[in-house]
N, C-alpha and C. Protein backbone atom coordinates (compact mmCIF):
# COMPACT_ATOMS: atom_id res chain seq x y z
N MET A 1 7.81 34.18 21.45
CA MET A 1 7.42 32.86 20.97
C MET A 1 8.43 32.37 19.95
N ILE A 2 8.84 31.14 20.11
CA ILE A 2 9.78 30.53 19.16
C ILE A 2 9.01 30.12 17.91
N ASP A 3 9.61 30.37 16.74
CA ASP A 3 8.98 30.03 15.46
C ASP A 3 9.02 28.51 15.28
N ASN A 4 7.87 27.87 15.47
CA ASN A 4 7.84 26.42 15.28
C ASN A 4 7.10 26.04 14.00
N SER A 5 7.00 26.99 13.08
CA SER A 5 6.30 26.69 11.82
C SER A 5 7.00 25.57 11.06
N LYS A 6 8.31 25.51 11.16
CA LYS A 6 9.06 24.44 10.47
C LYS A 6 8.67 23.07 11.02
N ASP A 7 8.47 23.00 12.35
CA ASP A 7 8.04 21.73 12.97
C ASP A 7 6.65 21.33 12.49
N ILE A 8 5.76 22.30 12.39
CA ILE A 8 4.40 22.04 11.94
C ILE A 8 4.42 21.54 10.50
N ILE A 9 5.20 22.20 9.65
CA ILE A 9 5.31 21.80 8.24
C ILE A 9 5.91 20.39 8.15
N ALA A 10 6.96 20.13 8.92
CA ALA A 10 7.62 18.82 8.89
C ALA A 10 6.67 17.72 9.34
N SER A 11 5.88 18.00 10.37
CA SER A 11 4.93 17.01 10.87
C SER A 11 3.87 16.70 9.82
N ALA A 12 3.34 17.72 9.18
CA ALA A 12 2.33 17.52 8.14
C ALA A 12 2.93 16.76 6.96
N SER A 13 4.13 17.11 6.59
CA SER A 13 4.82 16.45 5.47
C SER A 13 5.02 14.96 5.77
N LYS A 14 5.41 14.66 7.00
CA LYS A 14 5.62 13.26 7.39
C LYS A 14 4.32 12.47 7.28
N LYS A 15 3.21 13.06 7.77
CA LYS A 15 1.91 12.38 7.71
C LYS A 15 1.52 12.12 6.26
N MET A 16 1.78 13.09 5.39
CA MET A 16 1.43 12.95 3.97
C MET A 16 2.26 11.84 3.32
N LYS A 17 3.56 11.85 3.60
CA LYS A 17 4.45 10.84 3.02
C LYS A 17 4.11 9.44 3.54
N ASP A 18 3.70 9.35 4.81
CA ASP A 18 3.28 8.06 5.36
C ASP A 18 2.04 7.54 4.63
N ALA A 19 1.12 8.43 4.31
CA ALA A 19 -0.09 8.04 3.56
C ALA A 19 0.28 7.50 2.19
N VAL A 20 1.24 8.15 1.53
CA VAL A 20 1.68 7.69 0.20
C VAL A 20 2.37 6.33 0.32
N ARG A 21 3.21 6.15 1.34
CA ARG A 21 3.88 4.85 1.54
C ARG A 21 2.85 3.75 1.75
N PHE A 22 1.81 4.04 2.54
CA PHE A 22 0.76 3.06 2.78
C PHE A 22 0.06 2.70 1.47
N LEU A 23 -0.23 3.71 0.64
CA LEU A 23 -0.87 3.48 -0.66
C LEU A 23 0.01 2.57 -1.52
N GLU A 24 1.30 2.89 -1.58
CA GLU A 24 2.21 2.08 -2.40
C GLU A 24 2.24 0.63 -1.93
N GLU A 25 2.30 0.42 -0.63
CA GLU A 25 2.30 -0.95 -0.08
C GLU A 25 0.99 -1.66 -0.39
N ASP A 26 -0.13 -0.94 -0.27
CA ASP A 26 -1.43 -1.53 -0.56
C ASP A 26 -1.53 -1.92 -2.03
N LEU A 27 -1.07 -1.06 -2.93
CA LEU A 27 -1.17 -1.35 -4.37
C LEU A 27 -0.30 -2.54 -4.78
N LYS A 28 0.77 -2.80 -4.02
CA LYS A 28 1.62 -3.95 -4.34
C LYS A 28 0.87 -5.27 -4.21
N THR A 29 -0.18 -5.29 -3.39
CA THR A 29 -0.90 -6.54 -3.16
C THR A 29 -1.94 -6.82 -4.25
N TYR A 30 -2.12 -5.91 -5.20
CA TYR A 30 -3.10 -6.11 -6.27
C TYR A 30 -2.47 -7.02 -7.33
N ARG A 31 -3.18 -8.07 -7.68
CA ARG A 31 -2.67 -9.02 -8.66
C ARG A 31 -2.95 -8.48 -10.05
N ALA A 32 -1.91 -8.20 -10.80
CA ALA A 32 -2.07 -7.58 -12.12
C ALA A 32 -1.72 -8.54 -13.26
N GLY A 33 -1.88 -9.85 -13.05
CA GLY A 33 -1.66 -10.79 -14.14
C GLY A 33 -0.25 -11.33 -14.24
N LYS A 34 0.64 -10.88 -13.38
CA LYS A 34 1.98 -11.45 -13.38
C LYS A 34 2.38 -11.79 -11.95
N ALA A 35 3.33 -12.67 -11.81
CA ALA A 35 3.73 -13.17 -10.50
C ALA A 35 4.26 -12.04 -9.63
N ASN A 36 3.69 -11.92 -8.42
CA ASN A 36 4.10 -10.89 -7.47
C ASN A 36 3.93 -11.45 -6.06
N PRO A 37 5.03 -11.82 -5.40
CA PRO A 37 4.93 -12.42 -4.06
C PRO A 37 4.23 -11.53 -3.03
N ALA A 38 4.14 -10.23 -3.27
CA ALA A 38 3.51 -9.32 -2.30
C ALA A 38 2.02 -9.63 -2.12
N VAL A 39 1.40 -10.36 -3.06
CA VAL A 39 -0.03 -10.67 -2.91
C VAL A 39 -0.29 -11.55 -1.69
N PHE A 40 0.75 -12.22 -1.18
CA PHE A 40 0.59 -13.09 -0.03
C PHE A 40 0.82 -12.38 1.30
N ASN A 41 1.18 -11.09 1.28
CA ASN A 41 1.47 -10.36 2.52
C ASN A 41 0.28 -10.33 3.47
N SER A 42 -0.93 -10.38 2.93
CA SER A 42 -2.11 -10.31 3.79
C SER A 42 -2.72 -11.68 4.07
N VAL A 43 -2.13 -12.74 3.50
CA VAL A 43 -2.64 -14.09 3.72
C VAL A 43 -1.91 -14.68 4.92
N THR A 44 -2.67 -15.03 5.98
CA THR A 44 -2.03 -15.52 7.20
C THR A 44 -2.38 -16.97 7.48
N ILE A 45 -1.46 -17.62 8.19
CA ILE A 45 -1.66 -18.99 8.66
C ILE A 45 -1.35 -19.02 10.15
N SER A 46 -1.81 -20.04 10.84
CA SER A 46 -1.47 -20.19 12.24
C SER A 46 -0.12 -20.89 12.33
N TYR A 47 0.88 -20.18 12.81
CA TYR A 47 2.25 -20.70 12.88
C TYR A 47 2.66 -20.65 14.35
N TYR A 48 2.71 -21.81 14.96
CA TYR A 48 3.00 -21.92 16.40
C TYR A 48 2.06 -21.04 17.23
N GLY A 49 0.76 -21.08 16.85
CA GLY A 49 -0.25 -20.37 17.62
C GLY A 49 -0.38 -18.88 17.32
N THR A 50 0.38 -18.39 16.36
CA THR A 50 0.33 -16.97 16.01
C THR A 50 -0.07 -16.82 14.55
N ASP A 51 -0.97 -15.88 14.26
CA ASP A 51 -1.31 -15.61 12.86
C ASP A 51 -0.10 -14.95 12.20
N THR A 52 0.42 -15.62 11.19
CA THR A 52 1.65 -15.18 10.54
C THR A 52 1.43 -15.07 9.04
N PRO A 53 1.85 -13.96 8.41
CA PRO A 53 1.75 -13.86 6.96
C PRO A 53 2.62 -14.96 6.30
N ILE A 54 2.14 -15.49 5.19
CA ILE A 54 2.88 -16.56 4.51
C ILE A 54 4.34 -16.19 4.23
N PRO A 55 4.64 -14.94 3.78
CA PRO A 55 6.06 -14.63 3.51
C PRO A 55 6.96 -14.73 4.75
N ASN A 56 6.37 -14.71 5.96
CA ASN A 56 7.18 -14.83 7.18
C ASN A 56 7.37 -16.28 7.60
N ALA A 57 6.73 -17.22 6.87
CA ALA A 57 6.85 -18.64 7.23
C ALA A 57 7.35 -19.48 6.06
N ALA A 58 7.71 -18.82 4.97
CA ALA A 58 8.15 -19.57 3.78
C ALA A 58 8.97 -18.66 2.88
N SER A 59 9.70 -19.29 1.98
CA SER A 59 10.39 -18.49 0.97
C SER A 59 9.54 -18.55 -0.30
N ILE A 60 9.34 -17.40 -0.91
CA ILE A 60 8.52 -17.32 -2.12
C ILE A 60 9.42 -16.88 -3.26
N THR A 61 9.50 -17.71 -4.29
CA THR A 61 10.35 -17.39 -5.44
C THR A 61 9.47 -17.27 -6.69
N VAL A 62 9.99 -16.55 -7.67
CA VAL A 62 9.28 -16.33 -8.93
C VAL A 62 10.18 -16.83 -10.06
N PRO A 63 10.04 -18.12 -10.43
CA PRO A 63 10.90 -18.66 -11.49
C PRO A 63 10.61 -18.04 -12.86
N ASP A 64 9.36 -17.65 -13.11
CA ASP A 64 9.04 -16.94 -14.35
C ASP A 64 7.83 -16.04 -14.10
N ALA A 65 7.43 -15.27 -15.09
CA ALA A 65 6.39 -14.25 -14.90
C ALA A 65 5.02 -14.82 -14.56
N LYS A 66 4.79 -16.09 -14.80
CA LYS A 66 3.47 -16.68 -14.58
C LYS A 66 3.47 -17.76 -13.50
N THR A 67 4.56 -17.89 -12.73
CA THR A 67 4.66 -18.94 -11.72
C THR A 67 5.30 -18.41 -10.44
N MET A 68 4.78 -18.89 -9.31
CA MET A 68 5.41 -18.62 -8.02
C MET A 68 5.56 -19.95 -7.29
N LEU A 69 6.68 -20.09 -6.57
CA LEU A 69 6.92 -21.27 -5.75
C LEU A 69 7.00 -20.84 -4.29
N ILE A 70 6.24 -21.52 -3.46
CA ILE A 70 6.26 -21.25 -2.02
C ILE A 70 6.87 -22.46 -1.35
N GLN A 71 7.98 -22.24 -0.65
CA GLN A 71 8.65 -23.33 0.05
C GLN A 71 8.60 -23.03 1.55
N PRO A 72 7.67 -23.71 2.26
CA PRO A 72 7.55 -23.47 3.70
C PRO A 72 8.81 -23.92 4.43
N TRP A 73 9.16 -23.22 5.49
CA TRP A 73 10.31 -23.61 6.28
C TRP A 73 9.99 -24.84 7.12
N ASP A 74 8.71 -25.08 7.35
CA ASP A 74 8.25 -26.25 8.09
C ASP A 74 7.24 -26.95 7.19
N ARG A 75 7.58 -28.16 6.70
CA ARG A 75 6.72 -28.85 5.73
C ARG A 75 5.32 -29.13 6.26
N SER A 76 5.17 -29.19 7.58
CA SER A 76 3.84 -29.47 8.14
C SER A 76 2.86 -28.31 7.87
N LEU A 77 3.36 -27.18 7.41
CA LEU A 77 2.50 -26.02 7.14
C LEU A 77 1.91 -26.01 5.73
N ILE A 78 2.34 -26.94 4.89
CA ILE A 78 1.92 -26.91 3.48
C ILE A 78 0.40 -26.92 3.35
N LYS A 79 -0.27 -27.83 4.04
CA LYS A 79 -1.74 -27.91 3.94
C LYS A 79 -2.40 -26.61 4.42
N ALA A 80 -1.89 -26.06 5.53
CA ALA A 80 -2.46 -24.82 6.07
C ALA A 80 -2.26 -23.67 5.08
N MET A 81 -1.08 -23.60 4.45
CA MET A 81 -0.82 -22.54 3.47
C MET A 81 -1.73 -22.70 2.26
N GLU A 82 -1.86 -23.94 1.80
CA GLU A 82 -2.72 -24.21 0.65
C GLU A 82 -4.15 -23.76 0.94
N LYS A 83 -4.65 -24.10 2.12
CA LYS A 83 -6.02 -23.73 2.52
C LYS A 83 -6.15 -22.21 2.65
N ALA A 84 -5.15 -21.56 3.25
CA ALA A 84 -5.19 -20.10 3.42
C ALA A 84 -5.22 -19.38 2.07
N ILE A 85 -4.45 -19.90 1.10
CA ILE A 85 -4.42 -19.29 -0.24
C ILE A 85 -5.79 -19.45 -0.91
N MET A 86 -6.39 -20.63 -0.77
CA MET A 86 -7.72 -20.85 -1.34
C MET A 86 -8.76 -19.95 -0.66
N ASP A 87 -8.70 -19.86 0.68
CA ASP A 87 -9.66 -19.05 1.43
C ASP A 87 -9.51 -17.56 1.15
N ALA A 88 -8.29 -17.12 0.79
CA ALA A 88 -8.05 -15.70 0.53
C ALA A 88 -8.70 -15.25 -0.78
N ASN A 89 -9.12 -16.22 -1.60
CA ASN A 89 -9.83 -15.92 -2.85
C ASN A 89 -9.03 -14.97 -3.75
N LEU A 90 -7.76 -15.33 -3.96
CA LEU A 90 -6.88 -14.52 -4.81
C LEU A 90 -6.99 -14.90 -6.28
N GLY A 91 -7.75 -15.96 -6.56
CA GLY A 91 -7.88 -16.41 -7.95
C GLY A 91 -6.81 -17.42 -8.32
N PHE A 92 -6.12 -17.98 -7.31
CA PHE A 92 -5.07 -18.96 -7.56
C PHE A 92 -5.56 -20.35 -7.15
N THR A 93 -5.04 -21.36 -7.84
CA THR A 93 -5.24 -22.73 -7.41
C THR A 93 -3.88 -23.29 -7.07
N PRO A 94 -3.56 -23.43 -5.78
CA PRO A 94 -2.24 -23.93 -5.39
C PRO A 94 -2.09 -25.41 -5.72
N GLN A 95 -0.88 -25.79 -6.14
CA GLN A 95 -0.57 -27.19 -6.42
C GLN A 95 0.55 -27.60 -5.47
N ASN A 96 0.28 -28.64 -4.70
CA ASN A 96 1.19 -29.07 -3.64
C ASN A 96 1.86 -30.38 -4.05
N ASN A 97 3.21 -30.41 -4.01
CA ASN A 97 3.91 -31.65 -4.33
C ASN A 97 4.53 -32.30 -3.08
N GLY A 98 4.14 -31.82 -1.92
CA GLY A 98 4.66 -32.38 -0.67
C GLY A 98 5.81 -31.58 -0.09
N GLU A 99 6.51 -30.83 -0.92
CA GLU A 99 7.63 -30.00 -0.44
C GLU A 99 7.41 -28.52 -0.72
N THR A 100 6.80 -28.23 -1.86
CA THR A 100 6.56 -26.84 -2.24
C THR A 100 5.13 -26.68 -2.74
N ILE A 101 4.70 -25.45 -2.80
CA ILE A 101 3.40 -25.13 -3.39
C ILE A 101 3.68 -24.32 -4.65
N ARG A 102 3.18 -24.80 -5.76
CA ARG A 102 3.35 -24.10 -7.04
C ARG A 102 2.06 -23.34 -7.33
N ILE A 103 2.22 -22.07 -7.69
CA ILE A 103 1.08 -21.23 -8.06
C ILE A 103 1.27 -20.81 -9.50
N ASN A 104 0.36 -21.24 -10.37
CA ASN A 104 0.36 -20.77 -11.76
C ASN A 104 -0.59 -19.59 -11.82
N ILE A 105 -0.10 -18.49 -12.36
CA ILE A 105 -0.87 -17.25 -12.41
C ILE A 105 -1.76 -17.27 -13.65
N PRO A 106 -3.08 -17.37 -13.45
CA PRO A 106 -3.96 -17.35 -14.62
C PRO A 106 -4.10 -15.92 -15.14
N PRO A 107 -4.36 -15.78 -16.42
CA PRO A 107 -4.60 -14.42 -16.93
C PRO A 107 -5.88 -13.88 -16.30
N ILE A 108 -5.89 -12.58 -15.99
CA ILE A 108 -7.10 -12.03 -15.37
C ILE A 108 -8.01 -11.45 -16.44
N THR A 109 -9.30 -11.53 -16.17
CA THR A 109 -10.31 -11.10 -17.15
C THR A 109 -10.37 -9.57 -17.21
N GLU A 110 -10.95 -9.09 -18.30
CA GLU A 110 -11.12 -7.64 -18.48
C GLU A 110 -11.98 -7.07 -17.36
N GLU A 111 -13.01 -7.81 -16.96
CA GLU A 111 -13.91 -7.36 -15.89
C GLU A 111 -13.13 -7.23 -14.58
N ARG A 112 -12.28 -8.22 -14.28
CA ARG A 112 -11.48 -8.19 -13.05
C ARG A 112 -10.48 -7.03 -13.10
N ARG A 113 -9.91 -6.78 -14.27
CA ARG A 113 -8.98 -5.66 -14.42
C ARG A 113 -9.67 -4.34 -14.08
N LYS A 114 -10.90 -4.18 -14.59
CA LYS A 114 -11.65 -2.95 -14.32
C LYS A 114 -11.98 -2.82 -12.84
N GLU A 115 -12.30 -3.95 -12.18
CA GLU A 115 -12.56 -3.94 -10.74
C GLU A 115 -11.31 -3.49 -9.98
N LEU A 116 -10.16 -4.01 -10.40
CA LEU A 116 -8.89 -3.66 -9.73
C LEU A 116 -8.56 -2.18 -9.91
N VAL A 117 -8.81 -1.65 -11.10
CA VAL A 117 -8.57 -0.22 -11.35
C VAL A 117 -9.47 0.61 -10.45
N LYS A 118 -10.73 0.20 -10.34
CA LYS A 118 -11.68 0.92 -9.49
C LYS A 118 -11.22 0.89 -8.03
N LYS A 119 -10.77 -0.30 -7.60
CA LYS A 119 -10.28 -0.46 -6.23
C LYS A 119 -9.04 0.41 -6.00
N ALA A 120 -8.15 0.46 -6.98
CA ALA A 120 -6.94 1.28 -6.87
C ALA A 120 -7.31 2.76 -6.77
N ARG A 121 -8.27 3.19 -7.58
CA ARG A 121 -8.69 4.60 -7.53
C ARG A 121 -9.30 4.94 -6.17
N THR A 122 -10.06 4.00 -5.61
CA THR A 122 -10.64 4.22 -4.29
C THR A 122 -9.54 4.36 -3.24
N ALA A 123 -8.53 3.49 -3.33
CA ALA A 123 -7.40 3.57 -2.40
C ALA A 123 -6.66 4.89 -2.57
N GLY A 124 -6.52 5.34 -3.82
CA GLY A 124 -5.87 6.62 -4.09
C GLY A 124 -6.66 7.79 -3.51
N GLU A 125 -7.98 7.73 -3.62
CA GLU A 125 -8.81 8.80 -3.06
C GLU A 125 -8.73 8.81 -1.54
N THR A 126 -8.68 7.63 -0.93
CA THR A 126 -8.52 7.54 0.51
C THR A 126 -7.19 8.16 0.94
N CYS A 127 -6.15 7.93 0.15
CA CYS A 127 -4.84 8.51 0.43
C CYS A 127 -4.91 10.04 0.33
N LYS A 128 -5.60 10.53 -0.69
CA LYS A 128 -5.72 11.98 -0.86
C LYS A 128 -6.50 12.60 0.31
N VAL A 129 -7.49 11.88 0.82
CA VAL A 129 -8.25 12.36 1.98
C VAL A 129 -7.31 12.47 3.19
N SER A 130 -6.44 11.47 3.36
CA SER A 130 -5.47 11.52 4.46
C SER A 130 -4.55 12.73 4.31
N VAL A 131 -4.13 13.00 3.09
CA VAL A 131 -3.25 14.16 2.83
C VAL A 131 -3.99 15.45 3.16
N ARG A 132 -5.25 15.54 2.75
CA ARG A 132 -6.02 16.76 3.05
C ARG A 132 -6.24 16.91 4.55
N ASN A 133 -6.44 15.79 5.24
CA ASN A 133 -6.60 15.86 6.69
C ASN A 133 -5.32 16.37 7.36
N ALA A 134 -4.18 15.92 6.87
CA ALA A 134 -2.89 16.39 7.40
C ALA A 134 -2.75 17.89 7.16
N ARG A 135 -3.17 18.35 5.97
CA ARG A 135 -3.13 19.79 5.65
C ARG A 135 -4.03 20.55 6.60
N ARG A 136 -5.26 20.06 6.80
CA ARG A 136 -6.21 20.74 7.68
C ARG A 136 -5.65 20.84 9.10
N ASP A 137 -5.09 19.74 9.61
CA ASP A 137 -4.51 19.76 10.95
C ASP A 137 -3.37 20.78 11.05
N ALA A 138 -2.53 20.84 10.01
CA ALA A 138 -1.42 21.80 10.02
C ALA A 138 -1.94 23.23 10.00
N MET A 139 -2.97 23.48 9.20
CA MET A 139 -3.53 24.84 9.11
C MET A 139 -4.13 25.26 10.45
N GLU A 140 -4.84 24.32 11.10
CA GLU A 140 -5.43 24.64 12.41
C GLU A 140 -4.34 24.92 13.44
N THR A 141 -3.29 24.15 13.41
CA THR A 141 -2.17 24.35 14.35
C THR A 141 -1.52 25.71 14.10
N LEU A 142 -1.38 26.08 12.83
CA LEU A 142 -0.79 27.38 12.50
C LEU A 142 -1.70 28.52 12.99
N LYS A 143 -3.01 28.37 12.83
CA LYS A 143 -3.93 29.41 13.30
C LYS A 143 -3.82 29.58 14.82
N LYS A 144 -3.69 28.45 15.53
CA LYS A 144 -3.54 28.51 16.99
C LYS A 144 -2.20 29.17 17.35
N ALA A 145 -1.18 28.93 16.53
CA ALA A 145 0.14 29.49 16.82
C ALA A 145 0.14 31.01 16.73
N ILE A 146 -0.72 31.56 15.88
CA ILE A 146 -0.83 33.03 15.79
C ILE A 146 -1.30 33.57 17.14
N LYS A 147 -2.27 32.88 17.73
CA LYS A 147 -2.78 33.33 19.04
C LYS A 147 -1.70 33.22 20.10
N ASP A 148 -0.75 32.31 19.90
CA ASP A 148 0.34 32.14 20.86
C ASP A 148 1.53 33.05 20.55
N GLY A 149 1.37 33.92 19.56
CA GLY A 149 2.41 34.90 19.31
C GLY A 149 3.22 34.73 18.04
N MET A 150 2.87 33.77 17.19
CA MET A 150 3.60 33.63 15.92
C MET A 150 3.24 34.80 15.01
N PRO A 151 4.24 35.40 14.38
CA PRO A 151 3.95 36.51 13.46
C PRO A 151 3.07 36.03 12.30
N GLU A 152 2.15 36.89 11.87
CA GLU A 152 1.19 36.51 10.84
C GLU A 152 1.87 36.20 9.51
N ASP A 153 2.92 36.94 9.16
CA ASP A 153 3.60 36.67 7.88
C ASP A 153 4.29 35.30 7.90
N VAL A 154 4.81 34.89 9.07
CA VAL A 154 5.43 33.56 9.20
C VAL A 154 4.34 32.48 9.01
N GLU A 155 3.18 32.73 9.60
CA GLU A 155 2.07 31.77 9.49
C GLU A 155 1.63 31.65 8.04
N LYS A 156 1.52 32.76 7.32
CA LYS A 156 1.10 32.73 5.91
C LYS A 156 2.13 31.98 5.06
N ASP A 157 3.41 32.22 5.33
CA ASP A 157 4.47 31.51 4.59
C ASP A 157 4.39 30.00 4.87
N ALA A 158 4.11 29.66 6.12
CA ALA A 158 4.01 28.24 6.49
C ALA A 158 2.80 27.60 5.80
N GLU A 159 1.67 28.33 5.75
CA GLU A 159 0.49 27.81 5.05
C GLU A 159 0.80 27.56 3.59
N ALA A 160 1.52 28.48 2.97
CA ALA A 160 1.90 28.32 1.56
C ALA A 160 2.80 27.10 1.38
N ALA A 161 3.73 26.89 2.31
CA ALA A 161 4.64 25.74 2.24
C ALA A 161 3.86 24.43 2.38
N VAL A 162 2.88 24.41 3.30
CA VAL A 162 2.06 23.20 3.48
C VAL A 162 1.27 22.93 2.20
N GLN A 163 0.68 23.97 1.61
CA GLN A 163 -0.10 23.79 0.39
C GLN A 163 0.78 23.30 -0.75
N LYS A 164 1.99 23.82 -0.82
CA LYS A 164 2.94 23.39 -1.86
C LYS A 164 3.24 21.90 -1.71
N GLU A 165 3.42 21.46 -0.46
CA GLU A 165 3.67 20.04 -0.18
C GLU A 165 2.46 19.19 -0.58
N VAL A 166 1.25 19.68 -0.26
CA VAL A 166 0.02 18.96 -0.63
C VAL A 166 -0.06 18.80 -2.14
N ASP A 167 0.23 19.87 -2.87
CA ASP A 167 0.18 19.82 -4.34
C ASP A 167 1.17 18.79 -4.88
N ALA A 168 2.39 18.80 -4.34
CA ALA A 168 3.41 17.86 -4.80
C ALA A 168 3.01 16.41 -4.50
N ILE A 169 2.51 16.18 -3.30
CA ILE A 169 2.09 14.82 -2.90
C ILE A 169 0.91 14.36 -3.76
N SER A 170 -0.03 15.26 -4.05
CA SER A 170 -1.20 14.89 -4.88
C SER A 170 -0.75 14.48 -6.28
N LYS A 171 0.22 15.20 -6.83
CA LYS A 171 0.75 14.82 -8.14
C LYS A 171 1.42 13.45 -8.07
N GLN A 172 2.15 13.21 -6.99
CA GLN A 172 2.82 11.92 -6.80
C GLN A 172 1.79 10.78 -6.73
N ILE A 173 0.69 11.01 -6.01
CA ILE A 173 -0.38 10.00 -5.90
C ILE A 173 -0.97 9.73 -7.29
N ASP A 174 -1.21 10.80 -8.06
CA ASP A 174 -1.76 10.62 -9.41
C ASP A 174 -0.83 9.79 -10.29
N VAL A 175 0.48 10.02 -10.18
CA VAL A 175 1.45 9.25 -10.96
C VAL A 175 1.45 7.79 -10.54
N ILE A 176 1.43 7.55 -9.23
CA ILE A 176 1.40 6.18 -8.70
C ILE A 176 0.17 5.45 -9.23
N LEU A 177 -0.99 6.11 -9.17
CA LEU A 177 -2.23 5.49 -9.64
C LEU A 177 -2.21 5.25 -11.14
N ALA A 178 -1.69 6.21 -11.90
CA ALA A 178 -1.62 6.04 -13.35
C ALA A 178 -0.73 4.85 -13.71
N ASN A 179 0.41 4.72 -13.01
CA ASN A 179 1.31 3.59 -13.28
C ASN A 179 0.65 2.27 -12.93
N LYS A 180 -0.05 2.22 -11.79
CA LYS A 180 -0.72 0.99 -11.39
C LYS A 180 -1.84 0.63 -12.35
N GLU A 181 -2.60 1.65 -12.77
CA GLU A 181 -3.68 1.41 -13.73
C GLU A 181 -3.13 0.86 -15.05
N LYS A 182 -2.01 1.43 -15.50
CA LYS A 182 -1.38 0.95 -16.73
C LYS A 182 -0.92 -0.50 -16.55
N GLU A 183 -0.32 -0.80 -15.38
CA GLU A 183 0.14 -2.17 -15.09
C GLU A 183 -1.03 -3.15 -15.08
N ILE A 184 -2.14 -2.76 -14.46
CA ILE A 184 -3.30 -3.64 -14.36
C ILE A 184 -3.92 -3.87 -15.74
N MET A 185 -4.04 -2.82 -16.55
CA MET A 185 -4.72 -2.93 -17.84
C MET A 185 -3.85 -3.54 -18.93
N THR A 186 -2.55 -3.67 -18.71
CA THR A 186 -1.67 -4.28 -19.71
C THR A 186 -1.88 -5.78 -19.70
N VAL A 187 -2.24 -6.31 -20.87
CA VAL A 187 -2.50 -7.75 -20.96
C VAL A 187 -1.21 -8.49 -21.26
């Protein structure tokens, strides 16, 4: 039997890193009191019959920490973008001058900050569950590999390597969450 423990470890590691990347992308969409164009990634409009995220149909600039400007590539989309932003309930009131949409970022309340921290922690726990699932799958695959002829000491070393990766990824998730929590709670 060929030693494929490295493949099993690499596969588990990739799944874990993908979960962390997803968490990081998700946390970017949380509004923490300063201008961040990523909050519009999940807001879609109908653009030539296709649901399209606003950043794919306009240029979004941040002239200062409390303002964002959205300049649609097609001016006929301004009303649709304005409505989509209002419907998304992001806490913004878009101002339309006929060519661009100006978004003034209001300060967020202490209650909203606490809600965002709670939401971030939930997302972090979901990420950790994904990491544990990847570990479980790797461990099961390693156990099956023993039956297929993998030496037991190779399997034990591979289990230790997977656990080491899980520990490192868990610490990384904790750091990401701590940084996001600090960003959200900073007034």
